[in-house]
Amino acid sequence: MPELPEVETTTRGLSPHLCGQDIAAFEIRDSRLRWPVDGELSDRLVGDQILRLERRSKLMLVHLASGFSLISHLGMSGSWRICDPREALKKHDHLLLTLASGRQARYHDPRRFGSFEACLTGDLSSHPRLAGLGPEPLTHDFDGHRLFERSRGKKGPVKPFIMDNAVVVGVGNIYATEALFAAGIAPNRPAGRISLMRYLTLADEIKTVLHRAIDQGGSTLRDFVNSDGQPGYFAQTLQVYGRTGEGCLHCQTPLKTATVGQRTSVWCPSCQR
C-alpha cells in the first residue's frame, strides 16, 4: 500500500500541473472505488479553480476556490498521472480531471480500493477520513517526548503503537520497520517499557527515514507510480524490510520475522532490543 512518502511524492508531482488551473471537465468512468464516487461531482467541479494541494497523513487534499476540498486516497494500487487527453485510456483509468491548460490528470486503480471524495463544508477537521488524526511526523508537533508520554502504561508492542494514526500519522509498515531498526528497538518490545532517550532516538529516525524516502521518490511497491508514471526507488536502500533470513547489514546476524500487531515485521535480534 502506498505510504506517506508515496503520497507526498504524488502531491508534489501533481502540484505544478494542477495549482492555479480551472477545471474544464471531470469524468467518472467507473465510480466503484472503495466508496462510490459521487455522480454529482462533475457538475460541482467544472469551472472551479484548484488553489493548492497538500498531504495529510496518507491522503492528498485538493483545495478549490469555491471552498470545497477533494480528498484522494490511493488505496492499495491507486496512482495519479498527468497526460495528454488524446493519450489512449488504460483499462483501469477511472477518473479523468481535464484542466484549462489542456492537460489531464487521470486516476488509475486496478484494485479499486482507493477513494475520491469531496468535503463540501470546508471544515476538513470534521470529515470522517481526517477526524482524530495525530500530528504529522515531519513537523515540530511530533517528537520523542510525545511518544514517551503516550506510551506510558501501554503493554502492547511498540511497532503498532507508532503505526497508530492517533499517536502520529503516516508511519506505515515499511517505514516503522526501518525506523525501529535504525533506532535499535525490537518491534515486539512493549511500548510502555521504552525509555525517553530511546523514544527521542526513534522519533528522529522516523523523521530521517521518511525524509530519505521522499527525497528518493517513495518505495518501489509493485503498483505504485508517481505522477510521471515512474516507480519510486526507496526500496533499493531498505535495511531490513523484505530481507527475512538475510544477514543484517551491520552484524551479519540472520534477520528474524514474525507477525507483530497483525503486520509482518523483520528485525535483527542482535542489533534491536
Protein backbone atom coordinates (compact mmCIF):
# COMPACT_ATOMS: atom_id res chain seq x y z
CA MET A 1 0.00 0.00 0.00
CA PRO A 2 1.37 3.46 -0.84
CA GLU A 3 2.57 5.07 2.38
CA LEU A 4 3.25 8.66 3.40
CA PRO A 5 6.32 9.22 1.17
CA GLU A 6 4.47 7.90 -1.89
CA VAL A 7 1.54 10.22 -1.24
CA GLU A 8 3.90 13.14 -0.60
CA THR A 9 5.73 12.35 -3.85
CA THR A 10 2.43 12.24 -5.73
CA THR A 11 1.25 15.52 -4.19
CA ARG A 12 4.48 17.31 -5.04
CA GLY A 13 4.49 15.89 -8.55
CA LEU A 14 0.93 16.96 -9.32
CA SER A 15 1.06 20.42 -7.75
CA PRO A 16 2.86 22.27 -10.59
CA HIS A 17 0.36 20.89 -13.10
CA LEU A 18 -2.83 21.45 -11.07
CA CYS A 19 -2.40 24.54 -8.93
CA GLY A 20 -3.96 27.68 -10.41
CA GLN A 21 -5.81 25.69 -13.07
CA ASP A 22 -9.54 25.86 -13.78
CA ILE A 23 -11.31 22.53 -14.09
CA ALA A 24 -12.64 22.17 -17.64
CA ALA A 25 -14.21 18.72 -17.22
CA PHE A 26 -14.46 15.85 -14.78
CA GLU A 27 -15.41 12.38 -15.99
CA ILE A 28 -16.19 9.36 -13.84
CA ARG A 29 -15.53 6.28 -15.96
CA ASP A 30 -16.07 3.89 -13.06
CA SER A 31 -17.48 5.09 -9.73
CA ARG A 32 -16.90 1.76 -7.97
CA LEU A 33 -13.95 2.67 -5.78
CA ARG A 34 -13.75 1.86 -2.06
CA TRP A 35 -16.73 4.18 -1.66
CA PRO A 36 -18.84 5.11 -4.71
CA VAL A 37 -17.72 8.38 -6.30
CA ASP A 38 -20.48 10.99 -6.15
CA GLY A 39 -22.01 11.29 -9.63
CA GLU A 40 -22.84 14.97 -8.98
CA LEU A 41 -19.18 15.91 -8.63
CA SER A 42 -18.87 16.63 -12.33
CA ASP A 43 -21.41 19.46 -12.14
CA ARG A 44 -19.85 20.82 -8.93
CA LEU A 45 -16.26 20.85 -10.17
CA VAL A 46 -16.45 22.23 -13.69
CA GLY A 47 -15.43 25.89 -13.67
CA ASP A 48 -13.91 25.73 -10.20
CA GLN A 49 -10.25 26.56 -9.70
CA ILE A 50 -7.60 24.46 -7.96
CA LEU A 51 -5.80 26.61 -5.41
CA ARG A 52 -3.35 24.22 -3.80
CA LEU A 53 -2.59 20.61 -2.95
CA GLU A 54 -1.40 19.24 0.36
CA ARG A 55 -0.91 15.90 2.04
CA ARG A 56 -2.48 14.95 5.38
CA SER A 57 -1.43 11.52 6.64
CA LYS A 58 -1.80 9.26 3.58
CA LEU A 59 -4.45 11.47 1.95
CA MET A 60 -3.97 14.01 -0.83
CA LEU A 61 -6.14 17.10 -0.38
CA VAL A 62 -7.07 19.32 -3.33
CA HIS A 63 -8.33 22.73 -2.20
CA LEU A 64 -10.65 24.64 -4.55
CA ALA A 65 -11.54 28.32 -4.89
CA SER A 66 -15.16 27.54 -4.03
CA GLY A 67 -14.13 26.42 -0.55
CA PHE A 68 -14.64 22.75 -1.35
CA SER A 69 -11.83 20.25 -0.94
CA LEU A 70 -11.28 16.93 -2.69
CA ILE A 71 -9.86 14.01 -0.72
CA SER A 72 -7.94 11.33 -2.59
CA HIS A 73 -6.72 8.08 -1.06
CA LEU A 74 -4.55 5.84 -3.24
CA GLY A 75 -5.69 2.64 -1.55
CA MET A 76 -3.72 -0.47 -2.48
CA SER A 77 -2.87 0.29 -6.10
CA GLY A 78 -4.04 3.80 -6.97
CA SER A 79 -1.95 6.39 -8.80
CA TRP A 80 -2.41 9.76 -10.48
CA ARG A 81 -0.59 10.77 -13.63
CA ILE A 82 -0.59 13.81 -15.90
CA CYS A 83 -1.06 13.16 -19.60
CA ASP A 84 -2.40 14.48 -22.91
CA PRO A 85 -6.18 13.89 -23.16
CA ARG A 86 -5.56 12.32 -26.56
CA GLU A 87 -3.47 9.57 -25.00
CA ALA A 88 -5.19 6.18 -25.10
CA LEU A 89 -7.04 5.33 -21.91
CA LYS A 90 -5.93 2.39 -19.80
CA LYS A 91 -8.40 -0.23 -18.60
CA HIS A 92 -8.32 0.99 -15.00
CA ASP A 93 -8.32 4.76 -15.61
CA HIS A 94 -11.41 5.51 -13.51
CA LEU A 95 -11.36 9.32 -13.08
CA LEU A 96 -10.42 11.98 -15.64
CA LEU A 97 -9.80 15.57 -14.49
CA THR A 98 -9.32 17.85 -17.51
CA LEU A 99 -7.67 21.21 -16.91
CA ALA A 100 -7.97 24.53 -18.71
CA SER A 101 -4.31 24.09 -19.70
CA GLY A 102 -5.34 21.20 -21.91
CA ARG A 103 -3.62 18.61 -19.71
CA GLN A 104 -5.46 15.82 -17.93
CA ALA A 105 -4.99 14.17 -14.54
CA ARG A 106 -6.04 10.51 -14.59
CA TYR A 107 -6.67 8.31 -11.58
CA HIS A 108 -5.68 4.70 -12.24
CA ASP A 109 -6.58 1.95 -9.76
CA PRO A 110 -6.68 -1.75 -10.78
CA ARG A 111 -7.91 -2.94 -7.37
CA ARG A 112 -10.32 -0.02 -6.89
CA PHE A 113 -9.55 0.20 -3.18
CA GLY A 114 -8.73 3.91 -3.30
CA SER A 115 -11.25 6.68 -2.81
CA PHE A 116 -12.14 10.12 -4.15
CA GLU A 117 -14.49 12.26 -2.08
CA ALA A 118 -15.48 15.89 -1.66
CA CYS A 119 -15.71 17.85 1.57
CA LEU A 120 -18.39 20.39 0.73
CA THR A 121 -18.48 22.17 4.10
CA GLY A 122 -14.92 23.46 4.02
CA ASP A 123 -14.40 22.02 7.53
CA LEU A 124 -11.94 19.19 6.91
CA SER A 125 -11.36 18.53 10.59
CA SER A 126 -14.83 17.00 10.92
CA HIS A 127 -14.56 14.75 7.87
CA PRO A 128 -14.52 11.02 8.84
CA ARG A 129 -11.23 10.46 6.99
CA LEU A 130 -9.47 13.27 8.92
CA ALA A 131 -11.09 13.39 12.35
CA GLY A 132 -8.97 12.21 15.26
CA LEU A 133 -5.65 12.16 13.43
CA GLY A 134 -2.46 12.73 15.35
CA PRO A 135 0.35 15.11 14.37
CA GLU A 136 2.35 14.89 11.15
CA PRO A 137 5.65 13.08 11.75
CA LEU A 138 7.74 15.66 9.88
CA THR A 139 6.57 18.62 11.98
CA HIS A 140 7.66 20.05 15.33
CA ASP A 141 4.40 18.73 16.82
CA PHE A 142 5.87 15.23 16.77
CA ASP A 143 8.88 14.21 18.83
CA GLY A 144 10.14 11.61 21.26
CA HIS A 145 8.51 13.33 24.22
CA ARG A 146 5.10 12.74 22.66
CA LEU A 147 5.89 9.06 22.06
CA PHE A 148 7.12 8.64 25.61
CA GLU A 149 4.10 10.34 27.17
CA ARG A 150 1.57 8.48 25.01
CA SER A 151 3.27 5.13 25.64
CA ARG A 152 3.08 5.13 29.43
CA GLY A 153 1.10 2.12 30.64
CA LYS A 154 1.00 0.57 27.16
CA LYS A 155 1.69 -3.17 27.27
CA GLY A 156 1.36 -3.76 23.54
CA PRO A 157 4.31 -3.84 21.12
CA VAL A 158 5.98 -0.62 20.06
CA LYS A 159 5.56 -1.19 16.33
CA PRO A 160 1.72 -0.98 16.21
CA PHE A 161 1.97 1.86 18.73
CA ILE A 162 3.97 4.07 16.33
CA MET A 163 1.68 2.99 13.46
CA ASP A 164 -1.40 4.24 15.35
CA ASN A 165 -2.71 7.33 13.50
CA ALA A 166 -3.93 8.80 16.77
CA VAL A 167 -0.33 8.83 18.03
CA VAL A 168 1.33 10.02 14.82
CA VAL A 169 0.04 9.81 11.26
CA GLY A 170 1.50 8.09 8.26
CA VAL A 171 4.12 5.79 9.79
CA GLY A 172 3.26 2.66 7.81
CA ASN A 173 4.69 -0.83 7.92
CA ILE A 174 7.77 -0.28 5.76
CA TYR A 175 8.93 2.88 7.49
CA ALA A 176 8.09 1.69 11.00
CA THR A 177 10.23 -1.39 10.33
CA GLU A 178 13.14 0.69 9.04
CA ALA A 179 12.96 3.32 11.80
CA LEU A 180 12.91 0.71 14.56
CA PHE A 181 15.98 -0.94 13.08
CA ALA A 182 17.81 2.38 12.86
CA ALA A 183 16.90 3.12 16.50
CA GLY A 184 17.94 -0.35 17.69
CA ILE A 185 14.50 -1.16 19.11
CA ALA A 186 12.85 -4.56 18.62
CA PRO A 187 9.35 -4.24 17.09
CA ASN A 188 7.81 -6.55 19.72
CA ARG A 189 9.18 -4.67 22.72
CA PRO A 190 6.35 -3.34 24.94
CA ALA A 191 5.77 0.33 24.15
CA GLY A 192 5.48 1.24 27.83
CA ARG A 193 8.91 -0.20 28.66
CA ILE A 194 10.93 2.06 26.38
CA SER A 195 12.82 4.98 27.90
CA LEU A 196 12.53 8.63 26.95
CA MET A 197 16.05 8.63 25.49
CA ARG A 198 15.23 5.72 23.20
CA TYR A 199 11.99 7.39 22.11
CA LEU A 200 13.89 10.58 21.31
CA THR A 201 16.14 8.50 19.06
CA LEU A 202 13.18 6.67 17.50
CA ALA A 203 11.34 9.91 16.67
CA ASP A 204 14.47 11.26 14.98
CA GLU A 205 14.87 8.05 12.98
CA ILE A 206 11.22 8.16 11.88
CA LYS A 207 11.79 11.66 10.53
CA THR A 208 15.05 10.63 8.86
CA VAL A 209 13.69 7.55 7.12
CA LEU A 210 10.61 9.41 5.87
CA HIS A 211 12.65 12.37 4.61
CA ARG A 212 15.02 10.00 2.81
CA ALA A 213 12.14 8.11 1.20
CA ILE A 214 10.50 11.33 0.00
CA ASP A 215 13.79 12.56 -1.44
CA GLN A 216 14.22 9.26 -3.30
CA GLY A 217 10.67 9.15 -4.64
CA GLY A 218 8.90 6.67 -2.39
CA SER A 219 9.16 2.89 -2.14
CA THR A 220 9.21 0.59 -5.11
CA LEU A 221 5.86 -1.06 -4.46
CA ARG A 222 4.55 -3.27 -7.24
CA ASP A 223 1.64 -1.00 -8.13
CA PHE A 224 2.96 2.44 -7.20
CA VAL A 225 3.98 5.00 -9.80
CA ASN A 226 4.46 8.71 -9.27
CA SER A 227 2.72 11.46 -11.20
CA ASP A 228 5.08 10.97 -14.16
CA GLY A 229 4.33 7.27 -14.33
CA GLN A 230 7.70 6.25 -12.87
CA PRO A 231 8.13 4.00 -9.80
CA GLY A 232 9.78 5.23 -6.66
CA TYR A 233 13.08 3.65 -5.68
CA PHE A 234 13.48 3.92 -1.92
CA ALA A 235 13.29 0.11 -1.70
CA GLN A 236 16.84 -0.02 -3.04
CA THR A 237 18.06 1.33 0.31
CA LEU A 238 15.90 -0.71 2.71
CA GLN A 239 17.94 -2.13 5.59
CA VAL A 240 15.60 -4.84 6.90
CA TYR A 241 12.14 -4.72 5.29
CA GLY A 242 11.73 -7.62 2.85
CA ARG A 243 15.09 -9.18 3.81
CA THR A 244 13.92 -12.03 6.07
CA GLY A 245 16.66 -14.61 6.64
CA GLU A 246 19.36 -12.47 5.07
CA GLY A 247 22.31 -11.21 7.07
CA CYS A 248 22.00 -7.94 8.99
CA LEU A 249 23.89 -5.25 7.13
CA HIS A 250 25.53 -4.21 10.41
CA CYS A 251 26.41 -7.51 12.13
CA GLN A 252 25.53 -10.28 9.61
CA THR A 253 23.12 -11.97 12.06
CA PRO A 254 20.23 -13.58 10.12
CA LEU A 255 17.19 -11.31 10.25
CA LYS A 256 14.11 -12.68 12.02
CA THR A 257 10.46 -12.26 11.06
CA ALA A 258 7.19 -12.51 12.98
CA THR A 259 3.71 -11.09 12.97
CA VAL A 260 3.56 -8.07 15.27
CA GLY A 261 0.28 -6.21 15.52
CA GLN A 262 -1.09 -8.19 12.56
CA ARG A 263 1.73 -6.97 10.31
CA THR A 264 4.84 -8.83 9.17
CA SER A 265 7.89 -7.48 10.96
CA VAL A 266 11.56 -8.07 10.19
CA TRP A 267 14.33 -7.21 12.63
CA CYS A 268 17.84 -8.07 13.77
CA PRO A 269 17.84 -9.98 17.08
CA SER A 270 21.36 -8.70 17.81
CA CYS A 271 21.05 -5.03 16.91
CA GLN A 272 17.48 -4.50 18.14
CA ARG A 273 16.45 -5.00 21.75
